[in-house]
Amino acid sequence: MSWQTLPARTWRFGLLLIVGLGLAFYLFLGRGAKSSVTQLVLERQQTLTRAQASSVTSFFQVFGDSLAVLAQVNGMKRQDAITVQNMDAFVAQWEDSGLVGGIVFTDSLGVVKFNSNVLGTRDLGISLTDRDYFVWAKGQSGEGEYFIGQPVVSRLGASEGQMIVPVASPVFQENVFLGVVVASVKLQPLTERFLGLLKVSGQTDVYLVNERGELLYSNSAPELVGTFFFELLPEFKKAPNTSKEGYLETKDNVLAYAPVSLDSQNWLLVMASPRQQEIDNITTPFYIRQAAVLILAYLSVFLFGIIVTRENQGQEKAE
């Protein structure tokens, strides 16, 4: 029996079989594509997070080295008008960045003796002996090193009342500790500059967390700064090691995190994006193309079946 005498019911059975196989293929391939896309999104977020964390680390390395050089200049050891000029020049060098509030020079007892900032004010006489960077500086045996302190609320100068990251370097003269030079890096503009573009979509949330788990920055909920971050994202069943990177997938989000290494401490940079939206944005065009191909295949088989059926009916009438 040739294809021209193919019974109609056989054709219908074949069509149903093809439809069933096509749907199974569609679902199987779609599930595999979704899994692959999810992995792709996670890896892309991890790459972005790692790159931006590295940018923040690099900034502090450059800034810290610059401050350590200033602390070794002879004019700083003189503690006179030349000292103020050197400090003003340092502030002017970084002023255009908008990241630095100012710089102070304390005496060996931790009391501010010189002050230079972007506002031109000279707040003096404030004690900084309780700051971690002063304790560190007083324990040094020589100059040339810098220390990045824990983020604190500034007590003076152009950054007063703002959250800052202090960067300090000790000043010595013939092995005698003269004091410490401290520059304030404003945390809000710093994070906005380096982390503002850290998004794979408009719904991406970016967080910066210190090693104690306290939230330092959030692009979506700034009012939560200072709270314990890992209570905000239940996806973290426990606080991750802030010195390691990783990513994870949850029911609602895809998250990636990477450490911001600052020698004396480690922060954690976290990116969280809505899982369904990110995956749908990538897979929807794929599903549409796949469905179009299957529909075209079904129509072709259906039309072929109609032609065969009519041929058979024509032959039966002729007989």
Protein backbone atom coordinates (compact mmCIF):
# COMPACT_ATOMS: atom_id res chain seq x y z
CA MET A 1 0.00 0.00 0.00
CA SER A 2 1.43 3.39 -1.04
CA TRP A 3 1.27 6.64 0.86
CA GLN A 4 -1.60 7.67 -1.41
CA THR A 5 -3.88 5.03 0.15
CA LEU A 6 -2.90 5.86 3.71
CA PRO A 7 -6.04 5.50 5.89
CA ALA A 8 -7.27 8.72 7.51
CA ARG A 9 -7.17 7.25 11.00
CA THR A 10 -3.52 6.36 10.58
CA TRP A 11 -2.81 9.93 9.60
CA ARG A 12 -4.73 11.21 12.63
CA PHE A 13 -2.82 8.89 14.92
CA GLY A 14 0.46 10.07 13.39
CA LEU A 15 -0.54 13.68 13.85
CA LEU A 16 -1.42 13.14 17.51
CA LEU A 17 1.86 11.30 18.01
CA ILE A 18 3.83 14.14 16.47
CA VAL A 19 1.94 16.69 18.59
CA GLY A 20 2.66 14.69 21.74
CA LEU A 21 6.33 14.28 20.90
CA GLY A 22 6.55 17.99 20.05
CA LEU A 23 5.05 19.03 23.38
CA ALA A 24 7.34 16.68 25.27
CA PHE A 25 10.32 18.04 23.36
CA TYR A 26 9.17 21.61 24.05
CA LEU A 27 8.81 21.04 27.79
CA PHE A 28 12.05 19.08 28.10
CA LEU A 29 14.09 21.57 26.11
CA GLY A 30 12.43 24.50 27.86
CA ARG A 31 13.28 23.12 31.28
CA GLY A 32 16.87 22.57 30.26
CA ALA A 33 17.07 26.09 28.84
CA LYS A 34 15.67 27.55 32.05
CA SER A 35 18.27 25.75 34.13
CA SER A 36 21.06 26.93 31.83
CA VAL A 37 19.80 30.52 31.86
CA THR A 38 19.58 30.53 35.66
CA GLN A 39 23.19 29.41 35.86
CA LEU A 40 24.15 32.08 33.33
CA VAL A 41 22.44 34.81 35.37
CA LEU A 42 24.15 33.65 38.56
CA GLU A 43 27.56 33.61 36.91
CA ARG A 44 27.00 37.03 35.34
CA GLN A 45 26.00 38.52 38.68
CA GLN A 46 29.01 36.90 40.30
CA THR A 47 31.32 38.45 37.70
CA LEU A 48 29.81 41.92 38.18
CA THR A 49 29.95 41.65 41.96
CA ARG A 50 33.58 40.50 41.90
CA ALA A 51 34.59 43.32 39.56
CA GLN A 52 32.95 46.08 41.60
CA ALA A 53 34.29 44.70 44.88
CA SER A 54 37.75 44.79 43.33
CA SER A 55 37.18 48.43 42.27
CA VAL A 56 36.38 49.48 45.84
CA THR A 57 39.44 47.62 47.14
CA SER A 58 41.66 49.27 44.51
CA PHE A 59 40.39 52.74 45.43
CA PHE A 60 41.32 52.29 49.08
CA GLN A 61 44.75 50.95 48.14
CA VAL A 62 45.49 54.00 46.01
CA PHE A 63 44.05 56.40 48.58
CA GLY A 64 45.84 54.72 51.48
CA ASP A 65 49.20 54.81 49.69
CA SER A 66 48.65 58.49 48.89
CA LEU A 67 47.94 59.28 52.55
CA ALA A 68 50.97 57.28 53.73
CA VAL A 69 53.19 59.35 51.43
CA LEU A 70 51.73 62.56 52.85
CA ALA A 71 52.42 61.37 56.41
CA GLN A 72 56.12 61.00 55.56
CA VAL A 73 56.55 64.50 54.08
CA ASN A 74 58.88 66.67 56.15
CA GLY A 75 56.33 69.46 56.18
CA MET A 76 54.00 67.28 58.25
CA LYS A 77 56.65 66.78 60.89
CA ARG A 78 57.15 70.55 61.28
CA GLN A 79 53.61 71.03 62.61
CA ASP A 80 53.33 74.63 61.46
CA ALA A 81 51.86 76.60 58.55
CA ILE A 82 53.65 74.32 56.07
CA THR A 83 51.77 71.38 57.56
CA VAL A 84 48.45 73.11 56.87
CA GLN A 85 49.53 73.86 53.30
CA ASN A 86 50.39 70.21 52.70
CA MET A 87 47.04 69.12 54.08
CA ASP A 88 45.16 71.70 51.98
CA ALA A 89 46.98 70.49 48.87
CA PHE A 90 45.97 66.89 49.64
CA VAL A 91 42.32 67.86 50.04
CA ALA A 92 42.42 69.89 46.81
CA GLN A 93 43.87 66.88 44.99
CA TRP A 94 40.88 64.71 45.94
CA GLU A 95 38.17 67.37 46.10
CA ASP A 96 36.88 66.88 42.56
CA SER A 97 36.18 63.22 43.28
CA GLY A 98 33.53 64.21 45.82
CA LEU A 99 34.59 61.26 47.95
CA VAL A 100 36.84 62.93 50.52
CA GLY A 101 35.47 65.18 53.25
CA GLY A 102 38.77 66.31 54.72
CA ILE A 103 41.87 65.42 56.67
CA VAL A 104 42.98 65.96 60.26
CA PHE A 105 46.29 65.66 62.09
CA THR A 106 46.18 64.73 65.77
CA ASP A 107 48.93 65.09 68.32
CA SER A 108 50.38 62.10 70.16
CA LEU A 109 47.47 62.22 72.62
CA GLY A 110 44.84 61.93 69.90
CA VAL A 111 43.62 65.53 69.99
CA VAL A 112 42.99 67.21 66.63
CA LYS A 113 45.74 69.80 66.08
CA PHE A 114 45.31 70.58 62.37
CA ASN A 115 42.26 70.29 60.12
CA SER A 116 41.71 70.80 56.41
CA ASN A 117 38.45 70.04 54.61
CA VAL A 118 36.40 70.93 51.55
CA LEU A 119 34.44 73.58 53.47
CA GLY A 120 37.56 75.40 54.64
CA THR A 121 36.66 75.10 58.34
CA ARG A 122 39.28 74.35 61.01
CA ASP A 123 37.59 72.42 63.82
CA LEU A 124 40.29 71.67 66.40
CA GLY A 125 40.64 70.26 69.90
CA ILE A 126 38.39 67.20 69.45
CA SER A 127 39.72 63.96 70.90
CA LEU A 128 39.89 60.88 68.68
CA THR A 129 41.64 58.59 71.12
CA ASP A 130 38.76 56.10 71.11
CA ARG A 131 38.92 55.50 67.36
CA ASP A 132 40.40 52.20 66.21
CA TYR A 133 42.81 53.92 63.81
CA PHE A 134 44.42 55.98 66.62
CA VAL A 135 44.94 52.87 68.73
CA TRP A 136 46.51 51.21 65.69
CA ALA A 137 48.75 54.21 64.86
CA LYS A 138 50.03 54.54 68.42
CA GLY A 139 51.06 50.89 68.36
CA GLN A 140 53.17 51.26 65.19
CA SER A 141 56.96 51.33 65.32
CA GLY A 142 57.46 53.39 62.15
CA GLU A 143 55.82 55.23 59.28
CA GLY A 144 54.86 54.22 55.75
CA GLU A 145 51.77 52.12 56.53
CA TYR A 146 48.09 52.99 56.43
CA PHE A 147 45.02 51.68 58.24
CA ILE A 148 41.38 51.58 57.16
CA GLY A 149 39.14 52.05 60.17
CA GLN A 150 35.63 50.83 60.80
CA PRO A 151 32.95 53.06 59.24
CA VAL A 152 31.86 55.66 61.80
CA VAL A 153 29.80 58.84 62.03
CA SER A 154 32.14 61.81 61.61
CA ARG A 155 32.48 64.17 64.58
CA LEU A 156 33.87 67.23 62.80
CA GLY A 157 34.62 69.04 59.55
CA ALA A 158 32.76 68.87 56.25
CA SER A 159 31.66 65.29 56.91
CA GLU A 160 30.25 65.89 60.40
CA GLY A 161 27.23 63.69 61.01
CA GLN A 162 27.88 61.58 57.92
CA MET A 163 29.00 57.97 57.73
CA ILE A 164 32.67 57.92 56.78
CA VAL A 165 35.46 55.41 56.34
CA PRO A 166 38.59 56.79 58.07
CA VAL A 167 41.96 56.08 56.51
CA ALA A 168 44.94 56.80 58.77
CA SER A 169 48.72 56.80 58.70
CA PRO A 170 51.10 57.50 61.64
CA VAL A 171 53.57 60.37 61.68
CA PHE A 172 57.00 59.81 63.24
CA GLN A 173 60.10 61.90 63.65
CA GLU A 174 63.26 60.03 64.59
CA ASN A 175 61.17 57.12 65.88
CA VAL A 176 59.10 59.44 68.07
CA PHE A 177 55.34 59.21 67.55
CA LEU A 178 54.00 62.67 66.72
CA GLY A 179 50.43 61.76 65.94
CA VAL A 180 48.24 60.38 63.18
CA VAL A 181 46.98 61.79 59.88
CA VAL A 182 43.38 60.76 59.21
CA ALA A 183 41.39 61.35 56.02
CA SER A 184 37.64 60.78 55.79
CA VAL A 185 36.16 58.96 52.81
CA LYS A 186 32.41 59.60 52.61
CA LEU A 187 30.67 56.26 52.37
CA GLN A 188 27.49 57.33 50.57
CA PRO A 189 29.11 58.90 47.46
CA LEU A 190 31.74 56.15 47.44
CA THR A 191 29.15 53.39 47.19
CA GLU A 192 27.03 55.30 44.68
CA ARG A 193 30.02 55.81 42.40
CA PHE A 194 31.36 52.27 42.46
CA LEU A 195 28.16 50.32 43.05
CA GLY A 196 25.51 52.45 41.33
CA LEU A 197 26.04 50.66 38.02
CA LEU A 198 26.17 47.23 39.62
CA LYS A 199 22.86 46.04 38.24
CA VAL A 200 21.66 43.50 35.74
CA SER A 201 18.21 45.11 35.79
CA GLY A 202 16.29 47.99 37.31
CA GLN A 203 15.02 45.63 40.03
CA THR A 204 18.48 44.64 41.25
CA ASP A 205 19.24 45.38 44.90
CA VAL A 206 22.83 46.10 45.96
CA TYR A 207 24.04 45.81 49.54
CA LEU A 208 27.34 46.52 51.28
CA VAL A 209 27.83 44.79 54.62
CA ASN A 210 30.64 45.00 57.17
CA GLU A 211 32.20 41.94 58.75
CA ARG A 212 29.88 42.23 61.76
CA GLY A 213 26.88 41.82 59.44
CA GLU A 214 25.75 45.44 59.70
CA LEU A 215 24.33 47.03 56.56
CA LEU A 216 26.51 49.90 55.32
CA TYR A 217 24.73 50.66 52.05
CA SER A 218 21.53 49.74 50.23
CA ASN A 219 20.33 51.23 46.96
CA SER A 220 16.74 50.19 47.65
CA ALA A 221 16.34 50.67 51.42
CA PRO A 222 18.75 53.31 52.79
CA GLU A 223 16.64 53.62 55.92
CA LEU A 224 17.81 50.13 56.93
CA VAL A 225 21.49 51.10 57.09
CA GLY A 226 22.91 50.00 60.42
CA THR A 227 20.59 47.01 60.85
CA PHE A 228 21.75 43.40 60.83
CA PHE A 229 21.74 42.62 57.13
CA PHE A 230 21.31 38.84 57.20
CA GLU A 231 17.94 39.21 58.91
CA LEU A 232 16.72 41.14 55.84
CA LEU A 233 17.49 38.31 53.43
CA PRO A 234 16.31 34.99 54.87
CA GLU A 235 18.00 33.29 51.89
CA PHE A 236 21.19 33.47 53.91
CA LYS A 237 20.42 30.80 56.49
CA LYS A 238 23.59 31.88 58.22
CA ALA A 239 25.95 34.79 57.71
CA PRO A 240 28.45 33.84 54.99
CA ASN A 241 32.17 34.22 55.43
CA THR A 242 32.89 37.82 54.36
CA SER A 243 36.25 36.76 52.95
CA LYS A 244 34.74 34.38 50.38
CA GLU A 245 32.62 34.82 47.27
CA GLY A 246 29.72 32.77 46.02
CA TYR A 247 26.19 32.75 44.65
CA LEU A 248 22.92 31.03 45.38
CA GLU A 249 19.47 30.59 43.89
CA THR A 250 16.30 30.84 45.94
CA LYS A 251 12.60 30.71 45.16
CA ASP A 252 12.41 34.46 44.63
CA ASN A 253 15.96 35.72 44.00
CA VAL A 254 19.29 35.01 42.44
CA LEU A 255 22.11 36.33 44.63
CA ALA A 256 25.84 36.77 44.24
CA TYR A 257 28.34 38.07 46.78
CA ALA A 258 32.03 38.91 46.87
CA PRO A 259 34.42 40.22 49.55
CA VAL A 260 35.79 43.77 49.62
CA SER A 261 39.21 43.17 51.18
CA LEU A 262 40.54 46.14 53.13
CA ASP A 263 43.50 44.52 54.96
CA SER A 264 42.23 45.23 58.46
CA GLN A 265 38.68 44.13 57.67
CA ASN A 266 36.48 42.49 55.05
CA TRP A 267 33.20 43.86 53.78
CA LEU A 268 30.73 41.85 51.74
CA LEU A 269 29.16 43.11 48.53
CA VAL A 270 25.83 41.44 47.71
CA MET A 271 23.70 41.66 44.56
CA ALA A 272 20.13 40.31 44.59
CA SER A 273 17.86 40.20 41.51
CA PRO A 274 14.29 38.90 41.16
CA ARG A 275 14.70 35.35 39.91
CA GLN A 276 11.55 35.08 37.81
CA GLN A 277 11.98 38.42 36.06
CA GLU A 278 15.63 37.89 35.16
CA ILE A 279 15.06 34.41 33.79
CA ASP A 280 11.86 35.32 31.94
CA ASN A 281 13.55 38.26 30.24
CA ILE A 282 16.07 35.90 28.67
CA THR A 283 14.00 32.74 28.10
CA THR A 284 10.76 34.28 26.78
CA PRO A 285 12.16 35.04 23.28
CA PHE A 286 13.55 31.50 23.14
CA TYR A 287 10.18 30.00 24.07
CA ILE A 288 8.39 32.12 21.46
CA ARG A 289 10.74 31.01 18.68
CA GLN A 290 10.48 27.39 19.75
CA ALA A 291 6.68 27.53 19.83
CA ALA A 292 6.61 29.14 16.38
CA VAL A 293 8.72 26.32 14.92
CA LEU A 294 6.49 23.65 16.48
CA ILE A 295 3.30 25.33 15.25
CA LEU A 296 4.75 25.52 11.75
CA ALA A 297 5.63 21.84 11.90
CA TYR A 298 2.10 20.92 13.07
CA LEU A 299 0.51 22.94 10.26
CA SER A 300 2.76 21.27 7.70
CA VAL A 301 1.81 17.79 8.93
CA PHE A 302 -1.87 18.75 9.11
CA LEU A 303 -1.91 20.07 5.54
CA PHE A 304 -0.03 17.00 4.35
CA GLY A 305 -2.68 14.80 5.98
CA ILE A 306 -5.52 16.72 4.30
CA ILE A 307 -3.87 16.33 0.90
CA VAL A 308 -3.36 12.59 1.44
CA THR A 309 -6.96 12.14 2.62
CA ARG A 310 -8.35 13.94 -0.42
CA GLU A 311 -6.16 11.88 -2.71
CA ASN A 312 -7.49 8.71 -1.13
CA GLN A 313 -11.08 9.89 -1.40
CA GLY A 314 -10.56 10.79 -5.05
CA GLN A 315 -9.13 7.35 -5.84
CA GLU A 316 -12.00 5.60 -4.04
CA LYS A 317 -14.59 7.50 -6.12
CA ALA A 318 -12.73 6.71 -9.31
CA GLU A 319 -12.77 3.02 -8.46
